[in-house]
């Protein structure tokens, strides 16, 4: 039997963990975006709500879920236009399956055990030693020691971690000074 939790309890826990009141946000929507269930049986994470993500959830027959996203909407097609809103057909499908959507952008980017930077450092075998780069009132960059001496070695580790080819831009050259990497 699957364990369920009260949705409101999860929303409060996310708010306490990520402390959105300590930062500013670049998106107009933050936190609970669509409240479609009272209980949560399963939690999914994604960069943003999309048909592809919803198809995975539907294909598994899941209902009464929480979809925790990094962005409230998909990426902009170009810099001259706003990000498109979540399509109405997706909103209807979320409602029909009792899937709530909750998002944090800047609060998730803040250096923490959950941040993309921290998890990228772990995946690449890097050891963070200092935070840098403040944006929207939070620190979101990490300076790391690495076992790598060259950009090629770091690129190979990234390809292995991501499971697909990556493109490295050698702005600082091939040698990593003292094996240091910034995320």
C-alpha atoms as a PDB file:
ATOM      1  CA  UNK A   1       0.000   0.000   0.000  1.00  0.00           C
ATOM      2  CA  UNK A   2       1.389   3.377  -1.007  1.00  0.00           C
ATOM      3  CA  UNK A   3       2.034   5.930   1.710  1.00  0.00           C
ATOM      4  CA  UNK A   4       0.096   9.168   1.356  1.00  0.00           C
ATOM      5  CA  UNK A   5       0.630  12.585   2.934  1.00  0.00           C
ATOM      6  CA  UNK A   6      -1.626  15.578   3.241  1.00  0.00           C
ATOM      7  CA  UNK A   7      -0.815  17.951   0.395  1.00  0.00           C
ATOM      8  CA  UNK A   8      -0.984  21.042   2.647  1.00  0.00           C
ATOM      9  CA  UNK A   9       1.581  19.449   4.976  1.00  0.00           C
ATOM     10  CA  UNK A  10       3.985  18.976   2.058  1.00  0.00           C
ATOM     11  CA  UNK A  11       3.450  22.549   0.829  1.00  0.00           C
ATOM     12  CA  UNK A  12       4.252  23.907   4.317  1.00  0.00           C
ATOM     13  CA  UNK A  13       7.359  21.717   4.571  1.00  0.00           C
ATOM     14  CA  UNK A  14       8.600  22.949   1.178  1.00  0.00           C
ATOM     15  CA  UNK A  15       8.041  26.543   2.246  1.00  0.00           C
ATOM     16  CA  UNK A  16      10.002  26.022   5.473  1.00  0.00           C
ATOM     17  CA  UNK A  17      12.847  24.251   3.672  1.00  0.00           C
ATOM     18  CA  UNK A  18      13.244  26.751   0.825  1.00  0.00           C
ATOM     19  CA  UNK A  19      12.314  30.015   2.673  1.00  0.00           C
ATOM     20  CA  UNK A  20      11.032  31.958  -0.355  1.00  0.00           C
ATOM     21  CA  UNK A  21      10.535  35.102   1.757  1.00  0.00           C
ATOM     22  CA  UNK A  22      14.340  35.472   1.951  1.00  0.00           C
ATOM     23  CA  UNK A  23      14.760  36.167  -1.750  1.00  0.00           C
ATOM     24  CA  UNK A  24      13.227  37.900  -4.728  1.00  0.00           C
ATOM     25  CA  UNK A  25      11.960  36.005  -7.751  1.00  0.00           C
ATOM     26  CA  UNK A  26      12.287  36.487 -11.495  1.00  0.00           C
ATOM     27  CA  UNK A  27       8.995  34.719 -12.245  1.00  0.00           C
ATOM     28  CA  UNK A  28       5.620  36.082 -11.195  1.00  0.00           C
ATOM     29  CA  UNK A  29       4.530  32.639  -9.958  1.00  0.00           C
ATOM     30  CA  UNK A  30       6.270  30.890  -7.074  1.00  0.00           C
ATOM     31  CA  UNK A  31       5.136  28.110  -4.764  1.00  0.00           C
ATOM     32  CA  UNK A  32       1.799  26.416  -5.275  1.00  0.00           C
ATOM     33  CA  UNK A  33       0.752  26.878  -8.885  1.00  0.00           C
ATOM     34  CA  UNK A  34      -2.087  24.356  -9.259  1.00  0.00           C
ATOM     35  CA  UNK A  35      -3.731  22.819  -6.177  1.00  0.00           C
ATOM     36  CA  UNK A  36      -5.494  19.718  -7.479  1.00  0.00           C
ATOM     37  CA  UNK A  37      -5.217  17.178  -4.646  1.00  0.00           C
ATOM     38  CA  UNK A  38      -5.695  16.903  -0.895  1.00  0.00           C
ATOM     39  CA  UNK A  39      -3.350  13.925  -0.550  1.00  0.00           C
ATOM     40  CA  UNK A  40      -0.087  13.109  -2.308  1.00  0.00           C
ATOM     41  CA  UNK A  41       0.833   9.527  -3.180  1.00  0.00           C
ATOM     42  CA  UNK A  42       3.895  10.278  -5.303  1.00  0.00           C
ATOM     43  CA  UNK A  43       6.174  13.246  -6.020  1.00  0.00           C
ATOM     44  CA  UNK A  44       7.775  13.961  -9.376  1.00  0.00           C
ATOM     45  CA  UNK A  45      10.362  16.616 -10.195  1.00  0.00           C
ATOM     46  CA  UNK A  46      10.932  18.363 -13.507  1.00  0.00           C
ATOM     47  CA  UNK A  47      12.370  21.573 -14.850  1.00  0.00           C
ATOM     48  CA  UNK A  48       8.887  22.753 -15.866  1.00  0.00           C
ATOM     49  CA  UNK A  49       5.411  21.400 -16.606  1.00  0.00           C
ATOM     50  CA  UNK A  50       5.274  19.892 -20.081  1.00  0.00           C
ATOM     51  CA  UNK A  51       3.237  17.437 -22.093  1.00  0.00           C
ATOM     52  CA  UNK A  52       6.184  15.009 -22.020  1.00  0.00           C
ATOM     53  CA  UNK A  53       6.340  15.028 -18.207  1.00  0.00           C
ATOM     54  CA  UNK A  54       2.577  14.632 -17.944  1.00  0.00           C
ATOM     55  CA  UNK A  55       2.641  11.732 -20.428  1.00  0.00           C
ATOM     56  CA  UNK A  56       5.091   9.863 -18.192  1.00  0.00           C
ATOM     57  CA  UNK A  57       2.817  10.352 -15.173  1.00  0.00           C
ATOM     58  CA  UNK A  58      -0.276   9.351 -17.166  1.00  0.00           C
ATOM     59  CA  UNK A  59       1.523   6.340 -18.664  1.00  0.00           C
ATOM     60  CA  UNK A  60       2.238   5.069 -15.166  1.00  0.00           C
ATOM     61  CA  UNK A  61      -1.393   5.558 -14.191  1.00  0.00           C
ATOM     62  CA  UNK A  62      -0.456   7.938 -11.396  1.00  0.00           C
ATOM     63  CA  UNK A  63      -3.008  10.148  -9.686  1.00  0.00           C
ATOM     64  CA  UNK A  64      -2.893  12.313  -6.547  1.00  0.00           C
ATOM     65  CA  UNK A  65       0.657  13.464  -7.220  1.00  0.00           C
ATOM     66  CA  UNK A  66       2.772  16.523  -6.655  1.00  0.00           C
ATOM     67  CA  UNK A  67       4.874  17.780  -9.542  1.00  0.00           C
ATOM     68  CA  UNK A  68       7.661  19.934  -8.082  1.00  0.00           C
ATOM     69  CA  UNK A  69       9.219  22.079 -10.808  1.00  0.00           C
ATOM     70  CA  UNK A  70      12.136  24.474 -10.984  1.00  0.00           C
ATOM     71  CA  UNK A  71      10.394  26.847 -13.404  1.00  0.00           C
ATOM     72  CA  UNK A  72       6.673  27.671 -13.368  1.00  0.00           C
ATOM     73  CA  UNK A  73       6.526  27.711 -17.187  1.00  0.00           C
ATOM     74  CA  UNK A  74       8.576  26.490 -20.123  1.00  0.00           C
ATOM     75  CA  UNK A  75      11.568  28.428 -21.388  1.00  0.00           C
ATOM     76  CA  UNK A  76      11.087  31.496 -23.571  1.00  0.00           C
ATOM     77  CA  UNK A  77      11.173  30.902 -27.303  1.00  0.00           C
ATOM     78  CA  UNK A  78      13.104  34.181 -27.629  1.00  0.00           C
ATOM     79  CA  UNK A  79      14.109  37.130 -25.461  1.00  0.00           C
ATOM     80  CA  UNK A  80      11.526  39.451 -27.035  1.00  0.00           C
ATOM     81  CA  UNK A  81       8.516  37.563 -25.648  1.00  0.00           C
ATOM     82  CA  UNK A  82       7.318  36.357 -22.267  1.00  0.00           C
ATOM     83  CA  UNK A  83       7.373  32.684 -21.407  1.00  0.00           C
ATOM     84  CA  UNK A  84       4.176  31.017 -22.569  1.00  0.00           C
ATOM     85  CA  UNK A  85       1.656  30.110 -19.848  1.00  0.00           C
ATOM     86  CA  UNK A  86       0.934  26.469 -19.074  1.00  0.00           C
ATOM     87  CA  UNK A  87      -1.364  25.315 -21.877  1.00  0.00           C
ATOM     88  CA  UNK A  88      -5.031  24.905 -20.973  1.00  0.00           C
ATOM     89  CA  UNK A  89      -5.104  21.259 -22.084  1.00  0.00           C
ATOM     90  CA  UNK A  90      -2.289  20.506 -19.634  1.00  0.00           C
ATOM     91  CA  UNK A  91      -4.136  22.343 -16.852  1.00  0.00           C
ATOM     92  CA  UNK A  92      -7.216  20.180 -17.546  1.00  0.00           C
ATOM     93  CA  UNK A  93      -5.183  16.957 -17.595  1.00  0.00           C
ATOM     94  CA  UNK A  94      -3.509  17.884 -14.272  1.00  0.00           C
ATOM     95  CA  UNK A  95      -6.908  18.528 -12.720  1.00  0.00           C
ATOM     96  CA  UNK A  96      -8.376  15.267 -14.065  1.00  0.00           C
ATOM     97  CA  UNK A  97      -5.529  13.226 -12.508  1.00  0.00           C
ATOM     98  CA  UNK A  98      -5.422  15.201  -9.239  1.00  0.00           C
ATOM     99  CA  UNK A  99      -1.874  16.415  -9.874  1.00  0.00           C
ATOM    100  CA  UNK A 100      -0.772  19.553  -8.038  1.00  0.00           C
ATOM    101  CA  UNK A 101       2.120  21.681  -9.289  1.00  0.00           C
ATOM    102  CA  UNK A 102       4.514  23.522  -6.966  1.00  0.00           C
ATOM    103  CA  UNK A 103       7.563  25.455  -8.132  1.00  0.00           C
ATOM    104  CA  UNK A 104      10.566  27.301  -6.751  1.00  0.00           C
ATOM    105  CA  UNK A 105      13.115  28.937  -9.002  1.00  0.00           C
ATOM    106  CA  UNK A 106      15.421  31.251  -7.065  1.00  0.00           C
ATOM    107  CA  UNK A 107      14.758  29.473  -3.713  1.00  0.00           C
ATOM    108  CA  UNK A 108      15.854  26.207  -5.332  1.00  0.00           C
ATOM    109  CA  UNK A 109      18.923  27.824  -6.940  1.00  0.00           C
ATOM    110  CA  UNK A 110      20.152  28.982  -3.499  1.00  0.00           C
ATOM    111  CA  UNK A 111      23.103  26.846  -2.370  1.00  0.00           C
ATOM    112  CA  UNK A 112      21.594  24.017  -0.330  1.00  0.00           C
ATOM    113  CA  UNK A 113      21.560  20.214  -0.364  1.00  0.00           C
ATOM    114  CA  UNK A 114      18.806  20.473  -3.014  1.00  0.00           C
ATOM    115  CA  UNK A 115      20.299  23.070  -5.368  1.00  0.00           C
ATOM    116  CA  UNK A 116      21.242  22.197  -8.946  1.00  0.00           C
ATOM    117  CA  UNK A 117      24.786  23.451  -8.274  1.00  0.00           C
ATOM    118  CA  UNK A 118      25.275  21.249  -5.219  1.00  0.00           C
ATOM    119  CA  UNK A 119      23.961  18.199  -7.046  1.00  0.00           C
ATOM    120  CA  UNK A 120      26.062  18.886 -10.122  1.00  0.00           C
ATOM    121  CA  UNK A 121      29.135  19.150  -7.894  1.00  0.00           C
ATOM    122  CA  UNK A 122      28.291  15.753  -6.350  1.00  0.00           C
ATOM    123  CA  UNK A 123      27.700  14.154  -9.750  1.00  0.00           C
ATOM    124  CA  UNK A 124      31.078  15.411 -10.988  1.00  0.00           C
ATOM    125  CA  UNK A 125      33.004  14.417  -7.851  1.00  0.00           C
ATOM    126  CA  UNK A 126      33.721  18.046  -6.919  1.00  0.00           C
ATOM    127  CA  UNK A 127      34.178  19.323  -3.355  1.00  0.00           C
ATOM    128  CA  UNK A 128      32.622  22.759  -2.718  1.00  0.00           C
ATOM    129  CA  UNK A 129      34.731  25.022  -0.513  1.00  0.00           C
ATOM    130  CA  UNK A 130      33.115  28.439  -0.915  1.00  0.00           C
ATOM    131  CA  UNK A 131      29.915  30.074  -2.150  1.00  0.00           C
ATOM    132  CA  UNK A 132      29.880  32.995  -4.597  1.00  0.00           C
ATOM    133  CA  UNK A 133      27.574  34.844  -6.973  1.00  0.00           C
ATOM    134  CA  UNK A 134      24.613  36.490  -5.310  1.00  0.00           C
ATOM    135  CA  UNK A 135      21.407  36.955  -7.289  1.00  0.00           C
ATOM    136  CA  UNK A 136      17.953  37.848  -6.012  1.00  0.00           C
ATOM    137  CA  UNK A 137      19.316  38.027  -2.435  1.00  0.00           C
ATOM    138  CA  UNK A 138      20.721  34.466  -2.342  1.00  0.00           C
ATOM    139  CA  UNK A 139      24.101  32.884  -3.037  1.00  0.00           C
ATOM    140  CA  UNK A 140      23.876  30.342  -5.842  1.00  0.00           C
ATOM    141  CA  UNK A 141      27.421  29.721  -7.062  1.00  0.00           C
ATOM    142  CA  UNK A 142      29.952  27.232  -5.734  1.00  0.00           C
ATOM    143  CA  UNK A 143      33.739  27.235  -5.930  1.00  0.00           C
ATOM    144  CA  UNK A 144      34.949  23.650  -5.904  1.00  0.00           C
ATOM    145  CA  UNK A 145      38.104  21.582  -5.685  1.00  0.00           C
ATOM    146  CA  UNK A 146      38.160  18.860  -8.302  1.00  0.00           C
ATOM    147  CA  UNK A 147      40.201  15.775  -9.076  1.00  0.00           C
ATOM    148  CA  UNK A 148      40.572  17.069 -12.649  1.00  0.00           C
ATOM    149  CA  UNK A 149      43.557  18.928 -14.034  1.00  0.00           C
ATOM    150  CA  UNK A 150      42.169  19.719 -17.485  1.00  0.00           C
ATOM    151  CA  UNK A 151      38.962  20.901 -19.096  1.00  0.00           C
ATOM    152  CA  UNK A 152      38.962  17.702 -21.180  1.00  0.00           C
ATOM    153  CA  UNK A 153      38.897  15.569 -18.024  1.00  0.00           C
ATOM    154  CA  UNK A 154      36.065  17.662 -16.572  1.00  0.00           C
ATOM    155  CA  UNK A 155      34.139  17.440 -19.859  1.00  0.00           C
ATOM    156  CA  UNK A 156      34.502  13.642 -19.904  1.00  0.00           C
ATOM    157  CA  UNK A 157      33.187  13.474 -16.318  1.00  0.00           C
ATOM    158  CA  UNK A 158      30.243  15.712 -17.257  1.00  0.00           C
ATOM    159  CA  UNK A 159      29.393  13.530 -20.262  1.00  0.00           C
ATOM    160  CA  UNK A 160      29.445  10.450 -18.042  1.00  0.00           C
ATOM    161  CA  UNK A 161      27.260  12.134 -15.389  1.00  0.00           C
ATOM    162  CA  UNK A 162      24.740  13.499 -17.917  1.00  0.00           C
ATOM    163  CA  UNK A 163      24.704  10.441 -20.144  1.00  0.00           C
ATOM    164  CA  UNK A 164      25.085  12.475 -23.336  1.00  0.00           C
ATOM    165  CA  UNK A 165      27.684  14.633 -25.129  1.00  0.00           C
ATOM    166  CA  UNK A 166      28.416  18.110 -23.775  1.00  0.00           C
ATOM    167  CA  UNK A 167      30.102  21.123 -25.322  1.00  0.00           C
ATOM    168  CA  UNK A 168      32.869  22.800 -23.325  1.00  0.00           C
ATOM    169  CA  UNK A 169      33.949  26.356 -24.058  1.00  0.00           C
ATOM    170  CA  UNK A 170      37.595  26.854 -23.116  1.00  0.00           C
ATOM    171  CA  UNK A 171      37.311  30.473 -21.981  1.00  0.00           C
ATOM    172  CA  UNK A 172      40.128  29.937 -19.504  1.00  0.00           C
ATOM    173  CA  UNK A 173      42.145  27.446 -21.490  1.00  0.00           C
ATOM    174  CA  UNK A 174      42.648  23.686 -21.171  1.00  0.00           C
ATOM    175  CA  UNK A 175      44.425  23.612 -17.787  1.00  0.00           C
ATOM    176  CA  UNK A 176      42.308  23.967 -14.626  1.00  0.00           C
ATOM    177  CA  UNK A 177      44.265  26.157 -12.220  1.00  0.00           C
ATOM    178  CA  UNK A 178      44.876  24.015  -9.118  1.00  0.00           C
ATOM    179  CA  UNK A 179      41.956  21.807 -10.251  1.00  0.00           C
ATOM    180  CA  UNK A 180      39.449  24.519  -9.272  1.00  0.00           C
ATOM    181  CA  UNK A 181      35.998  24.681 -10.847  1.00  0.00           C
ATOM    182  CA  UNK A 182      33.158  27.198 -10.447  1.00  0.00           C
ATOM    183  CA  UNK A 183      29.528  26.148 -10.691  1.00  0.00           C
END
